[in-house]
């Protein structure tokens, strides 16, 4: 099976999955219930004590490392595909 055949099979799978997902009912959240709940009050209280700038900095470093590893993986995959890389 050539590349065109693989693309057709992949397209058919995507269409089937999207068609199945279209049949699922939509889920809606009531925003007022979340904001007025006791759990939200506990979250707000916890956020008062958590140093948010530190947490944001840590999350930024984690996301940056993930993006960097993704870029390295893509470049390595492209390098392995090149005919003169071996």
PDB file of N, CA and C in Angstrom:
ATOM      1  N   UNK A   1       0.859  -1.165   0.000  1.00  0.00           N
ATOM      2  CA  UNK A   1       0.000   0.000   0.000  1.00  0.00           C
ATOM      3  C   UNK A   1       0.903   1.225   0.000  1.00  0.00           C
ATOM      4  N   UNK A   2       0.687   2.093  -0.956  1.00  0.00           N
ATOM      5  CA  UNK A   2       1.516   3.281  -1.071  1.00  0.00           C
ATOM      6  C   UNK A   2       1.071   4.381  -0.122  1.00  0.00           C
ATOM      7  N   UNK A   3       1.719   5.514  -0.271  1.00  0.00           N
ATOM      8  CA  UNK A   3       1.393   6.651   0.588  1.00  0.00           C
ATOM      9  C   UNK A   3      -0.025   7.156   0.358  1.00  0.00           C
ATOM     10  N   UNK A   4      -0.494   7.080  -0.876  1.00  0.00           N
ATOM     11  CA  UNK A   4      -1.855   7.537  -1.171  1.00  0.00           C
ATOM     12  C   UNK A   4      -2.869   6.629  -0.494  1.00  0.00           C
ATOM     13  N   UNK A   5      -2.620   5.335  -0.525  1.00  0.00           N
ATOM     14  CA  UNK A   5      -3.519   4.384   0.132  1.00  0.00           C
ATOM     15  C   UNK A   5      -3.552   4.587   1.633  1.00  0.00           C
ATOM     16  N   UNK A   6      -2.381   4.844   2.224  1.00  0.00           N
ATOM     17  CA  UNK A   6      -2.332   5.103   3.658  1.00  0.00           C
ATOM     18  C   UNK A   6      -3.081   6.390   4.014  1.00  0.00           C
ATOM     19  N   UNK A   7      -2.960   7.400   3.164  1.00  0.00           N
ATOM     20  CA  UNK A   7      -3.661   8.668   3.405  1.00  0.00           C
ATOM     21  C   UNK A   7      -5.171   8.475   3.316  1.00  0.00           C
ATOM     22  N   UNK A   8      -5.617   7.655   2.379  1.00  0.00           N
ATOM     23  CA  UNK A   8      -7.055   7.401   2.238  1.00  0.00           C
ATOM     24  C   UNK A   8      -7.585   6.651   3.449  1.00  0.00           C
ATOM     25  N   UNK A   9      -6.856   5.643   3.902  1.00  0.00           N
ATOM     26  CA  UNK A   9      -7.271   4.882   5.087  1.00  0.00           C
ATOM     27  C   UNK A   9      -7.296   5.783   6.312  1.00  0.00           C
ATOM     28  N   UNK A  10      -6.274   6.621   6.468  1.00  0.00           N
ATOM     29  CA  UNK A  10      -6.225   7.546   7.594  1.00  0.00           C
ATOM     30  C   UNK A  10      -7.395   8.525   7.536  1.00  0.00           C
ATOM     31  N   UNK A  11      -7.709   9.027   6.353  1.00  0.00           N
ATOM     32  CA  UNK A  11      -8.843   9.950   6.198  1.00  0.00           C
ATOM     33  C   UNK A  11     -10.159   9.277   6.563  1.00  0.00           C
ATOM     34  N   UNK A  12     -10.328   8.030   6.157  1.00  0.00           N
ATOM     35  CA  UNK A  12     -11.551   7.309   6.491  1.00  0.00           C
ATOM     36  C   UNK A  12     -11.675   7.089   7.993  1.00  0.00           C
ATOM     37  N   UNK A  13     -10.572   6.794   8.651  1.00  0.00           N
ATOM     38  CA  UNK A  13     -10.599   6.613  10.106  1.00  0.00           C
ATOM     39  C   UNK A  13     -10.964   7.925  10.795  1.00  0.00           C
ATOM     40  N   UNK A  14     -10.379   9.030  10.345  1.00  0.00           N
ATOM     41  CA  UNK A  14     -10.679  10.339  10.935  1.00  0.00           C
ATOM     42  C   UNK A  14     -12.142  10.693  10.733  1.00  0.00           C
ATOM     43  N   UNK A  15     -12.675  10.450   9.545  1.00  0.00           N
ATOM     44  CA  UNK A  15     -14.086  10.745   9.280  1.00  0.00           C
ATOM     45  C   UNK A  15     -14.985   9.895  10.165  1.00  0.00           C
ATOM     46  N   UNK A  16     -14.644   8.626  10.357  1.00  0.00           N
ATOM     47  CA  UNK A  16     -15.443   7.744  11.208  1.00  0.00           C
ATOM     48  C   UNK A  16     -15.417   8.211  12.662  1.00  0.00           C
ATOM     49  N   UNK A  17     -14.247   8.596  13.149  1.00  0.00           N
ATOM     50  CA  UNK A  17     -14.132   9.063  14.537  1.00  0.00           C
ATOM     51  C   UNK A  17     -14.887  10.365  14.731  1.00  0.00           C
ATOM     52  N   UNK A  18     -14.730  11.302  13.811  1.00  0.00           N
ATOM     53  CA  UNK A  18     -15.446  12.579  13.921  1.00  0.00           C
ATOM     54  C   UNK A  18     -16.958  12.378  13.810  1.00  0.00           C
ATOM     55  N   UNK A  19     -17.377  11.450  12.968  1.00  0.00           N
ATOM     56  CA  UNK A  19     -18.801  11.147  12.863  1.00  0.00           C
ATOM     57  C   UNK A  19     -19.354  10.564  14.151  1.00  0.00           C
ATOM     58  N   UNK A  20     -18.588   9.680  14.785  1.00  0.00           N
ATOM     59  CA  UNK A  20     -19.023   9.106  16.065  1.00  0.00           C
ATOM     60  C   UNK A  20     -19.061  10.173  17.149  1.00  0.00           C
ATOM     61  N   UNK A  21     -18.086  11.081  17.155  1.00  0.00           N
ATOM     62  CA  UNK A  21     -18.073  12.150  18.149  1.00  0.00           C
ATOM     63  C   UNK A  21     -19.227  13.128  17.951  1.00  0.00           C
ATOM     64  N   UNK A  22     -19.661  13.317  16.708  1.00  0.00           N
ATOM     65  CA  UNK A  22     -20.782  14.226  16.440  1.00  0.00           C
ATOM     66  C   UNK A  22     -22.086  13.681  17.008  1.00  0.00           C
ATOM     67  N   UNK A  23     -22.184  12.371  17.196  1.00  0.00           N
ATOM     68  CA  UNK A  23     -23.406  11.769  17.732  1.00  0.00           C
ATOM     69  C   UNK A  23     -23.514  11.913  19.249  1.00  0.00           C
ATOM     70  N   UNK A  24     -22.403  12.206  19.922  1.00  0.00           N
ATOM     71  CA  UNK A  24     -22.433  12.348  21.374  1.00  0.00           C
ATOM     72  C   UNK A  24     -23.146  13.633  21.783  1.00  0.00           C
ATOM     73  N   UNK A  25     -23.876  13.596  22.886  1.00  0.00           N
ATOM     74  CA  UNK A  25     -24.544  14.817  23.328  1.00  0.00           C
ATOM     75  C   UNK A  25     -23.541  15.831  23.878  1.00  0.00           C
ATOM     76  N   UNK A  26     -23.872  17.100  23.758  1.00  0.00           N
ATOM     77  CA  UNK A  26     -22.996  18.156  24.259  1.00  0.00           C
ATOM     78  C   UNK A  26     -23.121  18.243  25.776  1.00  0.00           C
ATOM     79  N   UNK A  27     -22.014  18.524  26.433  1.00  0.00           N
ATOM     80  CA  UNK A  27     -22.000  18.676  27.882  1.00  0.00           C
ATOM     81  C   UNK A  27     -21.831  20.157  28.192  1.00  0.00           C
ATOM     82  N   UNK A  28     -22.729  20.685  28.982  1.00  0.00           N
ATOM     83  CA  UNK A  28     -22.662  22.090  29.349  1.00  0.00           C
ATOM     84  C   UNK A  28     -22.522  22.205  30.861  1.00  0.00           C
ATOM     85  N   UNK A  29     -21.678  23.122  31.290  1.00  0.00           N
ATOM     86  CA  UNK A  29     -21.474  23.362  32.706  1.00  0.00           C
ATOM     87  C   UNK A  29     -22.149  24.664  33.092  1.00  0.00           C
ATOM     88  N   UNK A  30     -22.798  24.635  34.243  1.00  0.00           N
ATOM     89  CA  UNK A  30     -23.418  25.848  34.733  1.00  0.00           C
ATOM     90  C   UNK A  30     -22.374  26.603  35.540  1.00  0.00           C
ATOM     91  N   UNK A  31     -21.972  27.747  35.034  1.00  0.00           N
ATOM     92  CA  UNK A  31     -20.863  28.475  35.631  1.00  0.00           C
ATOM     93  C   UNK A  31     -21.213  29.015  37.018  1.00  0.00           C
ATOM     94  N   UNK A  32     -22.454  29.404  37.237  1.00  0.00           N
ATOM     95  CA  UNK A  32     -22.845  29.949  38.527  1.00  0.00           C
ATOM     96  C   UNK A  32     -22.718  28.903  39.634  1.00  0.00           C
ATOM     97  N   UNK A  33     -22.992  27.650  39.314  1.00  0.00           N
ATOM     98  CA  UNK A  33     -22.907  26.592  40.318  1.00  0.00           C
ATOM     99  C   UNK A  33     -21.459  26.365  40.740  1.00  0.00           C
ATOM    100  N   UNK A  34     -20.528  26.496  39.806  1.00  0.00           N
ATOM    101  CA  UNK A  34     -19.116  26.275  40.127  1.00  0.00           C
ATOM    102  C   UNK A  34     -18.589  27.427  40.987  1.00  0.00           C
ATOM    103  N   UNK A  35     -18.950  28.652  40.645  1.00  0.00           N
ATOM    104  CA  UNK A  35     -18.414  29.812  41.350  1.00  0.00           C
ATOM    105  C   UNK A  35     -18.976  29.901  42.764  1.00  0.00           C
ATOM    106  N   UNK A  36     -20.209  29.492  42.961  1.00  0.00           N
ATOM    107  CA  UNK A  36     -20.822  29.633  44.275  1.00  0.00           C
ATOM    108  C   UNK A  36     -20.667  28.390  45.152  1.00  0.00           C
ATOM    109  N   UNK A  37     -19.944  27.381  44.698  1.00  0.00           N
ATOM    110  CA  UNK A  37     -19.836  26.148  45.474  1.00  0.00           C
ATOM    111  C   UNK A  37     -18.820  26.304  46.602  1.00  0.00           C
ATOM    112  N   UNK A  38     -18.922  25.424  47.579  1.00  0.00           N
ATOM    113  CA  UNK A  38     -17.989  25.431  48.702  1.00  0.00           C
ATOM    114  C   UNK A  38     -16.591  25.031  48.241  1.00  0.00           C
ATOM    115  N   UNK A  39     -16.502  24.172  47.230  1.00  0.00           N
ATOM    116  CA  UNK A  39     -15.191  23.768  46.709  1.00  0.00           C
ATOM    117  C   UNK A  39     -14.452  24.969  46.140  1.00  0.00           C
ATOM    118  N   UNK A  40     -15.175  25.841  45.465  1.00  0.00           N
ATOM    119  CA  UNK A  40     -14.544  27.043  44.907  1.00  0.00           C
ATOM    120  C   UNK A  40     -14.003  27.929  46.030  1.00  0.00           C
ATOM    121  N   UNK A  41     -14.715  28.011  47.142  1.00  0.00           N
ATOM    122  CA  UNK A  41     -14.245  28.796  48.288  1.00  0.00           C
ATOM    123  C   UNK A  41     -12.948  28.211  48.841  1.00  0.00           C
ATOM    124  N   UNK A  42     -12.837  26.891  48.899  1.00  0.00           N
ATOM    125  CA  UNK A  42     -11.607  26.259  49.362  1.00  0.00           C
ATOM    126  C   UNK A  42     -10.456  26.516  48.385  1.00  0.00           C
ATOM    127  N   UNK A  43     -10.753  26.493  47.091  1.00  0.00           N
ATOM    128  CA  UNK A  43      -9.714  26.766  46.090  1.00  0.00           C
ATOM    129  C   UNK A  43      -9.203  28.192  46.229  1.00  0.00           C
ATOM    130  N   UNK A  44     -10.122  29.135  46.405  1.00  0.00           N
ATOM    131  CA  UNK A  44      -9.717  30.533  46.571  1.00  0.00           C
ATOM    132  C   UNK A  44      -8.890  30.694  47.840  1.00  0.00           C
ATOM    133  N   UNK A  45      -9.284  30.026  48.915  1.00  0.00           N
ATOM    134  CA  UNK A  45      -8.528  30.104  50.168  1.00  0.00           C
ATOM    135  C   UNK A  45      -7.133  29.504  50.008  1.00  0.00           C
ATOM    136  N   UNK A  46      -7.026  28.405  49.291  1.00  0.00           N
ATOM    137  CA  UNK A  46      -5.715  27.786  49.076  1.00  0.00           C
ATOM    138  C   UNK A  46      -4.834  28.679  48.209  1.00  0.00           C
ATOM    139  N   UNK A  47      -5.421  29.314  47.214  1.00  0.00           N
ATOM    140  CA  UNK A  47      -4.647  30.190  46.337  1.00  0.00           C
ATOM    141  C   UNK A  47      -4.123  31.418  47.078  1.00  0.00           C
ATOM    142  N   UNK A  48      -4.740  31.769  48.195  1.00  0.00           N
ATOM    143  CA  UNK A  48      -4.270  32.897  48.991  1.00  0.00           C
ATOM    144  C   UNK A  48      -2.901  32.585  49.590  1.00  0.00           C
ATOM    145  N   UNK A  49      -2.667  31.323  49.939  1.00  0.00           N
ATOM    146  CA  UNK A  49      -1.417  30.936  50.589  1.00  0.00           C
ATOM    147  C   UNK A  49      -0.352  30.442  49.619  1.00  0.00           C
ATOM    148  N   UNK A  50      -0.742  30.061  48.410  1.00  0.00           N
ATOM    149  CA  UNK A  50       0.218  29.539  47.434  1.00  0.00           C
ATOM    150  C   UNK A  50       0.868  30.720  46.712  1.00  0.00           C
ATOM    151  N   UNK A  51       2.199  30.742  46.645  1.00  0.00           N
ATOM    152  CA  UNK A  51       2.875  31.826  45.916  1.00  0.00           C
ATOM    153  C   UNK A  51       2.677  31.661  44.404  1.00  0.00           C
ATOM    154  N   UNK A  52       1.712  32.362  43.852  1.00  0.00           N
ATOM    155  CA  UNK A  52       1.327  32.143  42.460  1.00  0.00           C
ATOM    156  C   UNK A  52       2.450  32.481  41.484  1.00  0.00           C
ATOM    157  N   UNK A  53       3.270  33.472  41.772  1.00  0.00           N
ATOM    158  CA  UNK A  53       4.353  33.796  40.842  1.00  0.00           C
ATOM    159  C   UNK A  53       5.351  32.636  40.760  1.00  0.00           C
ATOM    160  N   UNK A  54       5.595  31.996  41.870  1.00  0.00           N
ATOM    161  CA  UNK A  54       6.497  30.847  41.869  1.00  0.00           C
ATOM    162  C   UNK A  54       5.884  29.683  41.099  1.00  0.00           C
ATOM    163  N   UNK A  55       4.612  29.442  41.320  1.00  0.00           N
ATOM    164  CA  UNK A  55       3.933  28.350  40.618  1.00  0.00           C
ATOM    165  C   UNK A  55       3.914  28.614  39.114  1.00  0.00           C
ATOM    166  N   UNK A  56       3.631  29.841  38.716  1.00  0.00           N
ATOM    167  CA  UNK A  56       3.620  30.184  37.293  1.00  0.00           C
ATOM    168  C   UNK A  56       5.011  30.014  36.695  1.00  0.00           C
ATOM    169  N   UNK A  57       6.043  30.398  37.426  1.00  0.00           N
ATOM    170  CA  UNK A  57       7.410  30.232  36.936  1.00  0.00           C
ATOM    171  C   UNK A  57       7.752  28.757  36.759  1.00  0.00           C
ATOM    172  N   UNK A  58       7.391  27.934  37.738  1.00  0.00           N
ATOM    173  CA  UNK A  58       7.661  26.499  37.646  1.00  0.00           C
ATOM    174  C   UNK A  58       6.902  25.882  36.472  1.00  0.00           C
ATOM    175  N   UNK A  59       5.640  26.234  36.305  1.00  0.00           N
ATOM    176  CA  UNK A  59       4.859  25.704  35.185  1.00  0.00           C
ATOM    177  C   UNK A  59       5.421  26.172  33.851  1.00  0.00           C
ATOM    178  N   UNK A  60       5.920  27.401  33.796  1.00  0.00           N
ATOM    179  CA  UNK A  60       6.532  27.904  32.562  1.00  0.00           C
ATOM    180  C   UNK A  60       7.771  27.094  32.203  1.00  0.00           C
ATOM    181  N   UNK A  61       8.592  26.788  33.193  1.00  0.00           N
ATOM    182  CA  UNK A  61       9.793  25.978  32.939  1.00  0.00           C
ATOM    183  C   UNK A  61       9.406  24.580  32.479  1.00  0.00           C
ATOM    184  N   UNK A  62       8.400  23.983  33.101  1.00  0.00           N
ATOM    185  CA  UNK A  62       7.967  22.637  32.714  1.00  0.00           C
ATOM    186  C   UNK A  62       7.446  22.623  31.283  1.00  0.00           C
ATOM    187  N   UNK A  63       6.618  23.608  30.926  1.00  0.00           N
ATOM    188  CA  UNK A  63       6.082  23.675  29.561  1.00  0.00           C
ATOM    189  C   UNK A  63       7.203  23.945  28.557  1.00  0.00           C
ATOM    190  N   UNK A  64       8.136  24.828  28.915  1.00  0.00           N
ATOM    191  CA  UNK A  64       9.248  25.124  28.007  1.00  0.00           C
ATOM    192  C   UNK A  64      10.109  23.889  27.761  1.00  0.00           C
ATOM    193  N   UNK A  65      10.369  23.106  28.809  1.00  0.00           N
ATOM    194  CA  UNK A  65      11.137  21.872  28.625  1.00  0.00           C
ATOM    195  C   UNK A  65      10.382  20.864  27.756  1.00  0.00           C
ATOM    196  N   UNK A  66       9.063  20.791  27.925  1.00  0.00           N
ATOM    197  CA  UNK A  66       8.266  19.903  27.083  1.00  0.00           C
ATOM    198  C   UNK A  66       8.296  20.312  25.625  1.00  0.00           C
ATOM    199  N   UNK A  67       8.179  21.614  25.380  1.00  0.00           N
ATOM    200  CA  UNK A  67       8.232  22.121  23.997  1.00  0.00           C
ATOM    201  C   UNK A  67       9.615  21.884  23.413  1.00  0.00           C
ATOM    202  N   UNK A  68      10.655  22.117  24.210  1.00  0.00           N
ATOM    203  CA  UNK A  68      12.023  21.890  23.740  1.00  0.00           C
ATOM    204  C   UNK A  68      12.235  20.421  23.371  1.00  0.00           C
ATOM    205  N   UNK A  69      11.764  19.505  24.202  1.00  0.00           N
ATOM    206  CA  UNK A  69      11.939  18.082  23.885  1.00  0.00           C
ATOM    207  C   UNK A  69      11.146  17.695  22.639  1.00  0.00           C
ATOM    208  N   UNK A  70       9.989  18.319  22.442  1.00  0.00           N
ATOM    209  CA  UNK A  70       9.216  18.063  21.227  1.00  0.00           C
ATOM    210  C   UNK A  70       9.962  18.556  19.997  1.00  0.00           C
ATOM    211  N   UNK A  71      10.561  19.739  20.079  1.00  0.00           N
ATOM    212  CA  UNK A  71      11.325  20.275  18.957  1.00  0.00           C
ATOM    213  C   UNK A  71      12.517  19.377  18.651  1.00  0.00           C
ATOM    214  N   UNK A  72      13.217  18.935  19.686  1.00  0.00           N
ATOM    215  CA  UNK A  72      14.367  18.050  19.486  1.00  0.00           C
ATOM    216  C   UNK A  72      13.924  16.736  18.853  1.00  0.00           C
ATOM    217  N   UNK A  73      12.790  16.197  19.282  1.00  0.00           N
ATOM    218  CA  UNK A  73      12.294  14.943  18.710  1.00  0.00           C
ATOM    219  C   UNK A  73      11.937  15.109  17.238  1.00  0.00           C
ATOM    220  N   UNK A  74      11.322  16.234  16.886  1.00  0.00           N
ATOM    221  CA  UNK A  74      10.957  16.466  15.481  1.00  0.00           C
ATOM    222  C   UNK A  74      12.213  16.620  14.630  1.00  0.00           C
ATOM    223  N   UNK A  75      13.186  17.375  15.117  1.00  0.00           N
ATOM    224  CA  UNK A  75      14.428  17.554  14.358  1.00  0.00           C
ATOM    225  C   UNK A  75      15.150  16.220  14.206  1.00  0.00           C
ATOM    226  N   UNK A  76      15.187  15.411  15.267  1.00  0.00           N
ATOM    227  CA  UNK A  76      15.845  14.102  15.180  1.00  0.00           C
ATOM    228  C   UNK A  76      15.122  13.195  14.195  1.00  0.00           C
ATOM    229  N   UNK A  77      13.795  13.227  14.202  1.00  0.00           N
ATOM    230  CA  UNK A  77      13.039  12.402  13.254  1.00  0.00           C
ATOM    231  C   UNK A  77      13.311  12.854  11.820  1.00  0.00           C
ATOM    232  N   UNK A  78      13.367  14.156  11.608  1.00  0.00           N
ATOM    233  CA  UNK A  78      13.665  14.659  10.260  1.00  0.00           C
ATOM    234  C   UNK A  78      15.088  14.286   9.853  1.00  0.00           C
ATOM    235  N   UNK A  79      16.020  14.350  10.815  1.00  0.00           N
ATOM    236  CA  UNK A  79      17.402  13.999  10.513  1.00  0.00           C
ATOM    237  C   UNK A  79      17.534  12.534  10.154  1.00  0.00           C
ATOM    238  N   UNK A  80      16.760  11.664  10.832  1.00  0.00           N
ATOM    239  CA  UNK A  80      16.811  10.227  10.537  1.00  0.00           C
ATOM    240  C   UNK A  80      16.218   9.910   9.174  1.00  0.00           C
ATOM    241  N   UNK A  81      15.321  10.753   8.698  1.00  0.00           N
ATOM    242  CA  UNK A  81      14.700  10.524   7.389  1.00  0.00           C
ATOM    243  C   UNK A  81      15.652  10.876   6.252  1.00  0.00           C
ATOM    244  N   UNK A  82      16.529  11.845   6.480  1.00  0.00           N
ATOM    245  CA  UNK A  82      17.433  12.283   5.418  1.00  0.00           C
ATOM    246  C   UNK A  82      18.323  11.142   4.954  1.00  0.00           C
ATOM    247  N   UNK A  83      18.551  11.016   3.649  1.00  0.00           N
ATOM    248  CA  UNK A  83      19.312   9.875   3.136  1.00  0.00           C
ATOM    249  C   UNK A  83      20.793   9.927   3.498  1.00  0.00           C
ATOM    250  N   UNK A  84      21.372  11.081   3.683  1.00  0.00           N
ATOM    251  CA  UNK A  84      22.799  11.164   3.959  1.00  0.00           C
ATOM    252  C   UNK A  84      23.120  11.203   5.451  1.00  0.00           C
ATOM    253  N   UNK A  85      22.146  10.971   6.289  1.00  0.00           N
ATOM    254  CA  UNK A  85      22.352  11.037   7.735  1.00  0.00           C
ATOM    255  C   UNK A  85      22.996   9.772   8.288  1.00  0.00           C
ATOM    256  N   UNK A  86      23.064   8.714   7.502  1.00  0.00           N
ATOM    257  CA  UNK A  86      23.585   7.444   8.020  1.00  0.00           C
ATOM    258  C   UNK A  86      24.998   7.196   7.607  1.00  0.00           C
TER     259      UNK A  86
END
